[in-house]
């Protein structure tokens, strides 16, 4: 499951967003993933042209218990451009 919130700093132009995600595929007792995201959306031309920048922090109890699968916490920066026509 996940939850997301957004607040438009400049209406229809600039928006702050926050998201919390939890994923548990139920294959083992500790195989969950959790991610916290903070970002900003810039609506250049309404919703027709949008630029997005997000920072994500993810952690996994499964990887903490099984270090052979990689680090148990990691950070990402993600950018995206959307064009609607």
C-alpha atoms as a PDB file:
ATOM      1  CA  UNK A   1       0.000   0.000   0.000  1.00  0.00           C
ATOM      2  CA  UNK A   2       1.032   3.611  -0.307  1.00  0.00           C
ATOM      3  CA  UNK A   3      -0.078   7.130   0.506  1.00  0.00           C
ATOM      4  CA  UNK A   4       0.703  10.355  -1.296  1.00  0.00           C
ATOM      5  CA  UNK A   5       0.172  14.039  -0.478  1.00  0.00           C
ATOM      6  CA  UNK A   6       0.780  17.156  -2.515  1.00  0.00           C
ATOM      7  CA  UNK A   7       0.682  20.863  -1.871  1.00  0.00           C
ATOM      8  CA  UNK A   8       0.711  23.487  -4.603  1.00  0.00           C
ATOM      9  CA  UNK A   9       3.097  26.253  -3.572  1.00  0.00           C
ATOM     10  CA  UNK A  10       2.214  28.236  -6.689  1.00  0.00           C
ATOM     11  CA  UNK A  11      -1.223  27.051  -7.878  1.00  0.00           C
ATOM     12  CA  UNK A  12      -1.122  25.199 -11.218  1.00  0.00           C
ATOM     13  CA  UNK A  13       2.649  25.858 -11.479  1.00  0.00           C
ATOM     14  CA  UNK A  14       4.743  24.369  -8.629  1.00  0.00           C
ATOM     15  CA  UNK A  15       3.829  21.473  -6.335  1.00  0.00           C
ATOM     16  CA  UNK A  16       5.582  19.724  -3.419  1.00  0.00           C
ATOM     17  CA  UNK A  17       4.815  16.020  -3.019  1.00  0.00           C
ATOM     18  CA  UNK A  18       5.461  13.354  -0.398  1.00  0.00           C
ATOM     19  CA  UNK A  19       4.863   9.624  -0.626  1.00  0.00           C
ATOM     20  CA  UNK A  20       5.202   6.620   1.685  1.00  0.00           C
ATOM     21  CA  UNK A  21       5.178   3.069   0.259  1.00  0.00           C
ATOM     22  CA  UNK A  22       5.137  -0.371   1.823  1.00  0.00           C
ATOM     23  CA  UNK A  23       5.495  -3.565  -0.214  1.00  0.00           C
ATOM     24  CA  UNK A  24       5.320  -7.078   1.234  1.00  0.00           C
ATOM     25  CA  UNK A  25       5.069  -9.857  -1.385  1.00  0.00           C
ATOM     26  CA  UNK A  26       4.533 -12.388   1.453  1.00  0.00           C
ATOM     27  CA  UNK A  27       7.151 -14.870   0.240  1.00  0.00           C
ATOM     28  CA  UNK A  28       8.969 -14.882   3.594  1.00  0.00           C
ATOM     29  CA  UNK A  29       8.245 -13.259   6.969  1.00  0.00           C
ATOM     30  CA  UNK A  30      10.738 -10.414   6.453  1.00  0.00           C
ATOM     31  CA  UNK A  31      10.660  -9.661   2.706  1.00  0.00           C
ATOM     32  CA  UNK A  32       9.197  -6.159   2.916  1.00  0.00           C
ATOM     33  CA  UNK A  33      10.371  -2.941   1.244  1.00  0.00           C
ATOM     34  CA  UNK A  34       9.614   0.581   2.457  1.00  0.00           C
ATOM     35  CA  UNK A  35      10.208   3.817   0.574  1.00  0.00           C
ATOM     36  CA  UNK A  36       9.819   7.481   1.511  1.00  0.00           C
ATOM     37  CA  UNK A  37       9.742   9.975  -1.372  1.00  0.00           C
ATOM     38  CA  UNK A  38       9.902  13.762  -1.431  1.00  0.00           C
ATOM     39  CA  UNK A  39       9.652  15.695  -4.650  1.00  0.00           C
ATOM     40  CA  UNK A  40       8.704  18.740  -6.623  1.00  0.00           C
ATOM     41  CA  UNK A  41       6.592  19.040  -9.789  1.00  0.00           C
ATOM     42  CA  UNK A  42       6.856  21.993 -12.141  1.00  0.00           C
ATOM     43  CA  UNK A  43       3.888  22.404 -14.490  1.00  0.00           C
ATOM     44  CA  UNK A  44       5.445  24.321 -17.373  1.00  0.00           C
ATOM     45  CA  UNK A  45       2.319  24.315 -19.551  1.00  0.00           C
ATOM     46  CA  UNK A  46      -0.487  23.097 -17.335  1.00  0.00           C
ATOM     47  CA  UNK A  47      -0.445  19.295 -17.256  1.00  0.00           C
ATOM     48  CA  UNK A  48       0.668  19.150 -20.904  1.00  0.00           C
ATOM     49  CA  UNK A  49       4.368  19.675 -20.041  1.00  0.00           C
ATOM     50  CA  UNK A  50       5.578  18.696 -16.568  1.00  0.00           C
ATOM     51  CA  UNK A  51       9.045  18.280 -15.055  1.00  0.00           C
ATOM     52  CA  UNK A  52       9.433  16.220 -11.869  1.00  0.00           C
ATOM     53  CA  UNK A  53      12.302  15.750  -9.432  1.00  0.00           C
ATOM     54  CA  UNK A  54      12.107  13.151  -6.636  1.00  0.00           C
ATOM     55  CA  UNK A  55      14.371  11.950  -3.834  1.00  0.00           C
ATOM     56  CA  UNK A  56      13.693   8.390  -2.603  1.00  0.00           C
ATOM     57  CA  UNK A  57      14.999   6.572   0.466  1.00  0.00           C
ATOM     58  CA  UNK A  58      14.333   2.807   0.525  1.00  0.00           C
ATOM     59  CA  UNK A  59      15.064   0.215   3.199  1.00  0.00           C
ATOM     60  CA  UNK A  60      14.505  -3.541   3.400  1.00  0.00           C
ATOM     61  CA  UNK A  61      14.428  -5.845   6.398  1.00  0.00           C
ATOM     62  CA  UNK A  62      14.958  -8.808   4.055  1.00  0.00           C
ATOM     63  CA  UNK A  63      18.236  -7.368   2.751  1.00  0.00           C
ATOM     64  CA  UNK A  64      19.276  -6.472   6.290  1.00  0.00           C
ATOM     65  CA  UNK A  65      18.897 -10.148   7.249  1.00  0.00           C
ATOM     66  CA  UNK A  66      20.360 -11.378   3.909  1.00  0.00           C
ATOM     67  CA  UNK A  67      23.252  -9.048   3.004  1.00  0.00           C
ATOM     68  CA  UNK A  68      24.123 -11.164  -0.055  1.00  0.00           C
ATOM     69  CA  UNK A  69      21.233  -9.479  -1.896  1.00  0.00           C
ATOM     70  CA  UNK A  70      22.780  -6.011  -1.580  1.00  0.00           C
ATOM     71  CA  UNK A  71      22.611  -3.023   0.708  1.00  0.00           C
ATOM     72  CA  UNK A  72      19.614  -2.876   3.034  1.00  0.00           C
ATOM     73  CA  UNK A  73      19.179   0.908   2.541  1.00  0.00           C
ATOM     74  CA  UNK A  74      19.705   3.041  -0.519  1.00  0.00           C
ATOM     75  CA  UNK A  75      18.900   6.486  -1.891  1.00  0.00           C
ATOM     76  CA  UNK A  76      17.876   7.561  -5.382  1.00  0.00           C
ATOM     77  CA  UNK A  77      17.264  10.790  -7.232  1.00  0.00           C
ATOM     78  CA  UNK A  78      14.798  10.477 -10.066  1.00  0.00           C
ATOM     79  CA  UNK A  79      13.856  13.019 -12.730  1.00  0.00           C
ATOM     80  CA  UNK A  80      11.064  12.746 -15.256  1.00  0.00           C
ATOM     81  CA  UNK A  81       9.520  14.820 -18.004  1.00  0.00           C
ATOM     82  CA  UNK A  82       5.943  14.280 -19.165  1.00  0.00           C
ATOM     83  CA  UNK A  83       4.483  15.532 -22.415  1.00  0.00           C
ATOM     84  CA  UNK A  84       0.764  15.178 -23.159  1.00  0.00           C
ATOM     85  CA  UNK A  85      -0.720  15.789 -26.577  1.00  0.00           C
END
